[in-house]
Amino acid sequence: MTATPSYRLVIFDMDGTLADSFPWFASVFNEVAERYRFKRIDAAEREALRALGSREILRYLGVPAWKLPLIARHFRARKTADLHRVTLFDGVDRLLRRLSAGNGDSGGIVTAIVSSDTEANVRRVLGPENAALIRWYGCSASIFGKPAKIRRVLRRSGVAPADAILIGDEVRDAEAAARTGIAFGAVSWGYAKPEALAAHAPLKLFATHDEIADFLA
C-alpha cells in the first residue's frame, strides 16, 4: 500500500471548494453578460460548460481578454452586495478545525486560501472563527493569476512546493498547481465536473470535506 503524502501547507480555493457560491453565480450570470456584451447561456449550456477549462469557456462566451478585468471587478462588487446569499458547504467548519489545530505551530497543518474574490469577502463568508484558522490569504487573483498568489504564499510561509497541496474545484486550479510545482487535490462538488478535473490527474478526487481531512490530517 502506498503511504499518503505528508503536507505542511494546504492551500484552498474558496468558491466552489469551501463556499457554495455557484447558485449565486448562475443567478447573476446573464445579467452580467448583457452588461458586458458576451454570450448569455441557458441551464443546459451552463452544465455543458462545467466540462471545459477556463480558456475554452471564455472562447465559447466570446469574452475578449481586455474585458476580463472589468468583468471580474463587476462580479466582485456584485458579490459583495449579495454576500448574504453565499454560505459555506456543510463540513467546512469541521475540516478547518481538524487541519488547522495549532495552525502549524503545534503539529497542525498550515492552511491558506488563494481566491479570485477579495480577502474581505472571503473572511466574511468564513466567519471570524474560521478566518482565524487560516494563516495566509492570497486574494483578488485575476482569472489566470493564481500561480502568482500561490508563489507568494509559499514564500511567506517558507514551505517548499513539494510540501504543499492545492485543493480546488476548477481546471484552472489544476493548472495553477502544475505551474507552481505543488500537488493538486480536486473536489467533486464544485464548478467543474469531476471528469474534467480527473483529466488533469489530481492526487485525489475528494467526495466530501471530511475525506479531505482524513486524507491530510
C-alpha atoms as a PDB file:
ATOM      1  CA  MET A   1       0.000   0.000   0.000  1.00  0.00           C
ATOM      2  CA  THR A   2       1.270   3.482  -0.905  1.00  0.00           C
ATOM      3  CA  ALA A   3       1.574   5.850   2.039  1.00  0.00           C
ATOM      4  CA  THR A   4      -0.382   9.116   1.987  1.00  0.00           C
ATOM      5  CA  PRO A   5       1.973  12.039   1.263  1.00  0.00           C
ATOM      6  CA  SER A   6       2.558  14.388   4.187  1.00  0.00           C
ATOM      7  CA  TYR A   7       1.975  18.103   3.550  1.00  0.00           C
ATOM      8  CA  ARG A   8       2.928  21.070   5.708  1.00  0.00           C
ATOM      9  CA  LEU A   9       0.781  23.581   3.796  1.00  0.00           C
ATOM     10  CA  VAL A  10      -2.722  23.157   2.387  1.00  0.00           C
ATOM     11  CA  ILE A  11      -3.951  25.927   0.079  1.00  0.00           C
ATOM     12  CA  PHE A  12      -7.687  26.044  -0.542  1.00  0.00           C
ATOM     13  CA  ASP A  13      -9.594  27.636  -3.356  1.00  0.00           C
ATOM     14  CA  MET A  14     -12.686  29.388  -1.977  1.00  0.00           C
ATOM     15  CA  ASP A  15     -15.624  29.472  -4.404  1.00  0.00           C
ATOM     16  CA  GLY A  16     -16.918  26.010  -5.219  1.00  0.00           C
ATOM     17  CA  THR A  17     -14.473  24.398  -2.786  1.00  0.00           C
ATOM     18  CA  LEU A  18     -15.278  25.911   0.609  1.00  0.00           C
ATOM     19  CA  ALA A  19     -18.089  28.308  -0.364  1.00  0.00           C
ATOM     20  CA  ASP A  20     -21.287  27.270  -2.119  1.00  0.00           C
ATOM     21  CA  SER A  21     -21.359  30.261  -4.463  1.00  0.00           C
ATOM     22  CA  PHE A  22     -22.400  28.612  -7.739  1.00  0.00           C
ATOM     23  CA  PRO A  23     -26.166  29.204  -7.267  1.00  0.00           C
ATOM     24  CA  TRP A  24     -25.481  32.925  -6.788  1.00  0.00           C
ATOM     25  CA  PHE A  25     -23.098  32.992  -9.774  1.00  0.00           C
ATOM     26  CA  ALA A  26     -25.649  31.287 -12.025  1.00  0.00           C
ATOM     27  CA  SER A  27     -28.402  33.692 -10.943  1.00  0.00           C
ATOM     28  CA  VAL A  28     -26.472  36.836 -11.959  1.00  0.00           C
ATOM     29  CA  PHE A  29     -24.503  35.494 -14.930  1.00  0.00           C
ATOM     30  CA  ASN A  30     -26.820  36.531 -17.761  1.00  0.00           C
ATOM     31  CA  GLU A  31     -27.324  39.985 -16.285  1.00  0.00           C
ATOM     32  CA  VAL A  32     -23.536  40.494 -16.326  1.00  0.00           C
ATOM     33  CA  ALA A  33     -23.369  39.008 -19.830  1.00  0.00           C
ATOM     34  CA  GLU A  34     -25.833  41.631 -21.079  1.00  0.00           C
ATOM     35  CA  ARG A  35     -23.912  44.437 -19.404  1.00  0.00           C
ATOM     36  CA  TYR A  36     -20.558  43.426 -20.912  1.00  0.00           C
ATOM     37  CA  ARG A  37     -21.925  42.055 -24.191  1.00  0.00           C
ATOM     38  CA  PHE A  38     -20.897  38.435 -24.128  1.00  0.00           C
ATOM     39  CA  LYS A  39     -22.987  35.321 -24.712  1.00  0.00           C
ATOM     40  CA  ARG A  40     -25.928  34.607 -22.437  1.00  0.00           C
ATOM     41  CA  ILE A  41     -26.378  30.928 -21.575  1.00  0.00           C
ATOM     42  CA  ASP A  42     -29.236  28.666 -20.562  1.00  0.00           C
ATOM     43  CA  ALA A  43     -29.171  25.898 -17.956  1.00  0.00           C
ATOM     44  CA  ALA A  44     -28.131  23.216 -20.467  1.00  0.00           C
ATOM     45  CA  GLU A  45     -25.230  25.309 -21.731  1.00  0.00           C
ATOM     46  CA  ARG A  46     -24.175  26.113 -18.174  1.00  0.00           C
ATOM     47  CA  GLU A  47     -23.995  22.407 -17.398  1.00  0.00           C
ATOM     48  CA  ALA A  48     -22.009  21.697 -20.576  1.00  0.00           C
ATOM     49  CA  LEU A  49     -19.508  24.450 -19.740  1.00  0.00           C
ATOM     50  CA  ARG A  50     -18.679  22.676 -16.483  1.00  0.00           C
ATOM     51  CA  ALA A  51     -16.784  20.128 -18.574  1.00  0.00           C
ATOM     52  CA  LEU A  52     -14.464  22.779 -20.065  1.00  0.00           C
ATOM     53  CA  GLY A  53     -11.422  24.706 -18.914  1.00  0.00           C
ATOM     54  CA  SER A  54     -11.484  28.466 -18.340  1.00  0.00           C
ATOM     55  CA  ARG A  55      -9.911  29.350 -21.708  1.00  0.00           C
ATOM     56  CA  GLU A  56     -12.421  27.186 -23.560  1.00  0.00           C
ATOM     57  CA  ILE A  57     -15.279  28.766 -21.626  1.00  0.00           C
ATOM     58  CA  LEU A  58     -14.096  32.290 -22.449  1.00  0.00           C
ATOM     59  CA  ARG A  59     -13.837  31.405 -26.149  1.00  0.00           C
ATOM     60  CA  TYR A  60     -17.337  29.952 -26.128  1.00  0.00           C
ATOM     61  CA  LEU A  61     -18.741  33.048 -24.428  1.00  0.00           C
ATOM     62  CA  GLY A  62     -16.871  35.417 -26.745  1.00  0.00           C
ATOM     63  CA  VAL A  63     -15.108  37.284 -23.925  1.00  0.00           C
ATOM     64  CA  PRO A  64     -12.009  39.179 -25.136  1.00  0.00           C
ATOM     65  CA  ALA A  65      -9.012  39.331 -22.800  1.00  0.00           C
ATOM     66  CA  TRP A  66      -9.237  43.110 -22.385  1.00  0.00           C
ATOM     67  CA  LYS A  67     -12.699  42.805 -20.819  1.00  0.00           C
ATOM     68  CA  LEU A  68     -11.679  40.298 -18.145  1.00  0.00           C
ATOM     69  CA  PRO A  69     -10.541  42.833 -15.501  1.00  0.00           C
ATOM     70  CA  LEU A  70     -13.750  44.856 -15.960  1.00  0.00           C
ATOM     71  CA  ILE A  71     -15.945  41.774 -15.667  1.00  0.00           C
ATOM     72  CA  ALA A  72     -14.023  40.476 -12.652  1.00  0.00           C
ATOM     73  CA  ARG A  73     -14.362  43.821 -10.850  1.00  0.00           C
ATOM     74  CA  HIS A  74     -18.087  43.874 -11.531  1.00  0.00           C
ATOM     75  CA  PHE A  75     -18.581  40.317 -10.278  1.00  0.00           C
ATOM     76  CA  ARG A  76     -16.639  41.108  -7.080  1.00  0.00           C
ATOM     77  CA  ALA A  77     -18.689  44.236  -6.396  1.00  0.00           C
ATOM     78  CA  ARG A  78     -21.941  42.447  -7.130  1.00  0.00           C
ATOM     79  CA  LYS A  79     -20.951  39.541  -4.914  1.00  0.00           C
ATOM     80  CA  THR A  80     -20.063  41.891  -2.054  1.00  0.00           C
ATOM     81  CA  ALA A  81     -23.599  43.281  -2.213  1.00  0.00           C
ATOM     82  CA  ASP A  82     -25.086  39.765  -2.327  1.00  0.00           C
ATOM     83  CA  LEU A  83     -22.755  38.085   0.149  1.00  0.00           C
ATOM     84  CA  HIS A  84     -25.649  37.067   2.390  1.00  0.00           C
ATOM     85  CA  ARG A  85     -26.573  34.610  -0.381  1.00  0.00           C
ATOM     86  CA  VAL A  86     -23.229  32.774  -0.225  1.00  0.00           C
ATOM     87  CA  THR A  87     -22.654  30.196   2.505  1.00  0.00           C
ATOM     88  CA  LEU A  88     -20.048  27.599   3.386  1.00  0.00           C
ATOM     89  CA  PHE A  89     -20.616  23.997   2.431  1.00  0.00           C
ATOM     90  CA  ASP A  90     -21.553  21.688   5.281  1.00  0.00           C
ATOM     91  CA  GLY A  91     -18.428  20.242   6.831  1.00  0.00           C
ATOM     92  CA  VAL A  92     -16.086  23.163   6.173  1.00  0.00           C
ATOM     93  CA  ASP A  93     -16.022  24.266   9.808  1.00  0.00           C
ATOM     94  CA  ARG A  94     -15.036  20.761  10.892  1.00  0.00           C
ATOM     95  CA  LEU A  95     -12.436  20.433   8.126  1.00  0.00           C
ATOM     96  CA  LEU A  96     -10.661  23.669   9.038  1.00  0.00           C
ATOM     97  CA  ARG A  97     -10.625  22.823  12.736  1.00  0.00           C
ATOM     98  CA  ARG A  98      -9.118  19.406  12.077  1.00  0.00           C
ATOM     99  CA  LEU A  99      -6.447  20.627   9.680  1.00  0.00           C
ATOM    100  CA  SER A 100      -5.535  23.817  11.464  1.00  0.00           C
ATOM    101  CA  ALA A 101      -5.178  22.625  15.056  1.00  0.00           C
ATOM    102  CA  GLY A 102      -2.220  24.687  16.207  1.00  0.00           C
ATOM    103  CA  ASN A 103      -2.087  26.266  12.706  1.00  0.00           C
ATOM    104  CA  GLY A 104       1.312  24.712  12.092  1.00  0.00           C
ATOM    105  CA  ASP A 105       2.816  25.653  15.444  1.00  0.00           C
ATOM    106  CA  SER A 106       1.803  22.519  17.357  1.00  0.00           C
ATOM    107  CA  GLY A 107       1.907  19.887  14.664  1.00  0.00           C
ATOM    108  CA  GLY A 108      -1.112  21.134  12.733  1.00  0.00           C
ATOM    109  CA  ILE A 109      -1.104  21.769   9.008  1.00  0.00           C
ATOM    110  CA  VAL A 110      -0.669  25.392   7.956  1.00  0.00           C
ATOM    111  CA  THR A 111      -3.696  26.495   5.929  1.00  0.00           C
ATOM    112  CA  ALA A 112      -4.053  29.190   3.267  1.00  0.00           C
ATOM    113  CA  ILE A 113      -6.683  30.422   0.831  1.00  0.00           C
ATOM    114  CA  VAL A 114      -5.984  31.616  -2.708  1.00  0.00           C
ATOM    115  CA  SER A 115      -9.047  33.127  -4.336  1.00  0.00           C
ATOM    116  CA  SER A 116     -10.255  35.427  -7.087  1.00  0.00           C
ATOM    117  CA  ASP A 117     -12.516  37.087  -4.533  1.00  0.00           C
ATOM    118  CA  THR A 118     -11.402  39.823  -2.150  1.00  0.00           C
ATOM    119  CA  GLU A 119      -9.949  38.942   1.236  1.00  0.00           C
ATOM    120  CA  ALA A 120     -12.737  40.897   2.937  1.00  0.00           C
ATOM    121  CA  ASN A 121     -15.392  38.783   1.207  1.00  0.00           C
ATOM    122  CA  VAL A 122     -13.543  35.553   1.923  1.00  0.00           C
ATOM    123  CA  ARG A 123     -13.268  36.419   5.612  1.00  0.00           C
ATOM    124  CA  ARG A 124     -16.924  37.397   5.841  1.00  0.00           C
ATOM    125  CA  VAL A 125     -18.117  34.123   4.302  1.00  0.00           C
ATOM    126  CA  LEU A 126     -15.772  32.100   6.518  1.00  0.00           C
ATOM    127  CA  GLY A 127     -16.846  33.911   9.656  1.00  0.00           C
ATOM    128  CA  PRO A 128     -14.390  35.132  12.324  1.00  0.00           C
ATOM    129  CA  GLU A 129     -13.689  31.749  13.920  1.00  0.00           C
ATOM    130  CA  ASN A 130     -12.875  30.007  10.634  1.00  0.00           C
ATOM    131  CA  ALA A 131     -10.989  33.024   9.273  1.00  0.00           C
ATOM    132  CA  ALA A 132      -8.705  32.919  12.315  1.00  0.00           C
ATOM    133  CA  LEU A 133      -7.711  29.338  11.389  1.00  0.00           C
ATOM    134  CA  ILE A 134      -6.282  30.468   8.038  1.00  0.00           C
ATOM    135  CA  ARG A 135      -2.654  31.601   8.245  1.00  0.00           C
ATOM    136  CA  TRP A 136      -2.184  33.066   4.763  1.00  0.00           C
ATOM    137  CA  TYR A 137      -4.527  34.777   2.294  1.00  0.00           C
ATOM    138  CA  GLY A 138      -3.788  35.336  -1.405  1.00  0.00           C
ATOM    139  CA  CYS A 139      -6.894  37.050  -2.727  1.00  0.00           C
ATOM    140  CA  SER A 140      -8.164  39.187  -5.640  1.00  0.00           C
ATOM    141  CA  ALA A 141      -6.363  36.926  -8.122  1.00  0.00           C
ATOM    142  CA  SER A 142      -7.121  37.501 -11.785  1.00  0.00           C
ATOM    143  CA  ILE A 143      -8.732  34.618 -13.647  1.00  0.00           C
ATOM    144  CA  PHE A 144      -5.317  33.198 -14.568  1.00  0.00           C
ATOM    145  CA  GLY A 145      -3.412  34.861 -11.722  1.00  0.00           C
ATOM    146  CA  LYS A 146      -3.475  32.136  -9.089  1.00  0.00           C
ATOM    147  CA  PRO A 147       0.100  30.915  -9.734  1.00  0.00           C
ATOM    148  CA  ALA A 148       1.497  34.283  -8.611  1.00  0.00           C
ATOM    149  CA  LYS A 149      -0.647  34.201  -5.455  1.00  0.00           C
ATOM    150  CA  ILE A 150       0.436  30.631  -4.716  1.00  0.00           C
ATOM    151  CA  ARG A 151       4.114  31.518  -5.116  1.00  0.00           C
ATOM    152  CA  ARG A 152       3.658  34.438  -2.711  1.00  0.00           C
ATOM    153  CA  VAL A 153       2.041  32.164  -0.115  1.00  0.00           C
ATOM    154  CA  LEU A 154       4.927  29.696  -0.499  1.00  0.00           C
ATOM    155  CA  ARG A 155       7.488  32.481   0.004  1.00  0.00           C
ATOM    156  CA  ARG A 156       5.708  33.928   3.026  1.00  0.00           C
ATOM    157  CA  SER A 157       5.196  30.535   4.649  1.00  0.00           C
ATOM    158  CA  GLY A 158       8.681  29.246   3.909  1.00  0.00           C
ATOM    159  CA  VAL A 159       7.191  25.951   2.717  1.00  0.00           C
ATOM    160  CA  ALA A 160       8.754  24.190  -0.276  1.00  0.00           C
ATOM    161  CA  PRO A 161       6.442  23.370  -3.217  1.00  0.00           C
ATOM    162  CA  ALA A 162       6.954  19.635  -2.592  1.00  0.00           C
ATOM    163  CA  ASP A 163       5.394  20.090   0.864  1.00  0.00           C
ATOM    164  CA  ALA A 164       2.271  21.924  -0.311  1.00  0.00           C
ATOM    165  CA  ILE A 165      -1.019  20.947  -1.905  1.00  0.00           C
ATOM    166  CA  LEU A 166      -3.781  22.999  -3.540  1.00  0.00           C
ATOM    167  CA  ILE A 167      -7.386  21.840  -3.103  1.00  0.00           C
ATOM    168  CA  GLY A 168      -9.723  23.239  -5.756  1.00  0.00           C
ATOM    169  CA  ASP A 169     -12.715  22.677  -7.997  1.00  0.00           C
ATOM    170  CA  GLU A 170     -11.700  24.085 -11.391  1.00  0.00           C
ATOM    171  CA  VAL A 171      -9.364  23.160 -14.229  1.00  0.00           C
ATOM    172  CA  ARG A 172      -7.505  26.433 -13.695  1.00  0.00           C
ATOM    173  CA  ASP A 173      -6.756  25.300 -10.133  1.00  0.00           C
ATOM    174  CA  ALA A 174      -5.142  22.145 -11.515  1.00  0.00           C
ATOM    175  CA  GLU A 175      -3.173  24.263 -13.994  1.00  0.00           C
ATOM    176  CA  ALA A 176      -2.060  26.677 -11.259  1.00  0.00           C
ATOM    177  CA  ALA A 177      -0.830  23.797  -9.103  1.00  0.00           C
ATOM    178  CA  ALA A 178       1.115  22.333 -12.026  1.00  0.00           C
ATOM    179  CA  ARG A 179       2.718  25.692 -12.840  1.00  0.00           C
ATOM    180  CA  THR A 180       3.888  26.184  -9.258  1.00  0.00           C
ATOM    181  CA  GLY A 181       5.089  22.634  -8.669  1.00  0.00           C
ATOM    182  CA  ILE A 182       2.661  21.749  -5.894  1.00  0.00           C
ATOM    183  CA  ALA A 183       0.289  18.800  -5.605  1.00  0.00           C
ATOM    184  CA  PHE A 184      -3.364  19.135  -6.594  1.00  0.00           C
ATOM    185  CA  GLY A 185      -6.417  17.631  -4.965  1.00  0.00           C
ATOM    186  CA  ALA A 186      -9.779  18.050  -6.706  1.00  0.00           C
ATOM    187  CA  VAL A 187     -13.254  18.232  -5.187  1.00  0.00           C
ATOM    188  CA  SER A 188     -16.271  16.659  -6.834  1.00  0.00           C
ATOM    189  CA  TRP A 189     -18.919  19.190  -5.753  1.00  0.00           C
ATOM    190  CA  GLY A 190     -17.705  22.451  -7.330  1.00  0.00           C
ATOM    191  CA  TYR A 191     -17.876  24.363 -10.598  1.00  0.00           C
ATOM    192  CA  ALA A 192     -16.106  21.842 -12.851  1.00  0.00           C
ATOM    193  CA  LYS A 193     -17.351  18.328 -13.495  1.00  0.00           C
ATOM    194  CA  PRO A 194     -15.339  15.577 -11.786  1.00  0.00           C
ATOM    195  CA  GLU A 195     -14.395  14.031 -15.135  1.00  0.00           C
ATOM    196  CA  ALA A 196     -12.926  17.345 -16.320  1.00  0.00           C
ATOM    197  CA  LEU A 197     -10.776  17.500 -13.191  1.00  0.00           C
ATOM    198  CA  ALA A 198      -9.830  13.810 -13.431  1.00  0.00           C
ATOM    199  CA  ALA A 199      -8.317  14.503 -16.856  1.00  0.00           C
ATOM    200  CA  HIS A 200      -5.663  16.581 -15.056  1.00  0.00           C
ATOM    201  CA  ALA A 201      -4.607  13.642 -12.865  1.00  0.00           C
ATOM    202  CA  PRO A 202      -5.219  15.084  -9.386  1.00  0.00           C
ATOM    203  CA  LEU A 203      -3.534  13.367  -6.483  1.00  0.00           C
ATOM    204  CA  LYS A 204      -7.047  12.535  -5.271  1.00  0.00           C
ATOM    205  CA  LEU A 205     -10.637  13.386  -6.152  1.00  0.00           C
ATOM    206  CA  PHE A 206     -12.457  14.112  -2.904  1.00  0.00           C
ATOM    207  CA  ALA A 207     -16.141  13.355  -2.393  1.00  0.00           C
ATOM    208  CA  THR A 208     -16.580  15.151   0.957  1.00  0.00           C
ATOM    209  CA  HIS A 209     -14.820  17.677   3.159  1.00  0.00           C
ATOM    210  CA  ASP A 210     -14.326  15.006   5.811  1.00  0.00           C
ATOM    211  CA  GLU A 211     -12.461  12.941   3.222  1.00  0.00           C
ATOM    212  CA  ILE A 212     -10.017  15.836   2.740  1.00  0.00           C
ATOM    213  CA  ALA A 213      -9.334  15.948   6.471  1.00  0.00           C
ATOM    214  CA  ASP A 214      -8.954  12.157   6.686  1.00  0.00           C
ATOM    215  CA  PHE A 215      -6.509  12.154   3.780  1.00  0.00           C
ATOM    216  CA  LEU A 216      -4.351  15.023   5.014  1.00  0.00           C
ATOM    217  CA  ALA A 217      -4.600  15.039   8.784  1.00  0.00           C
END
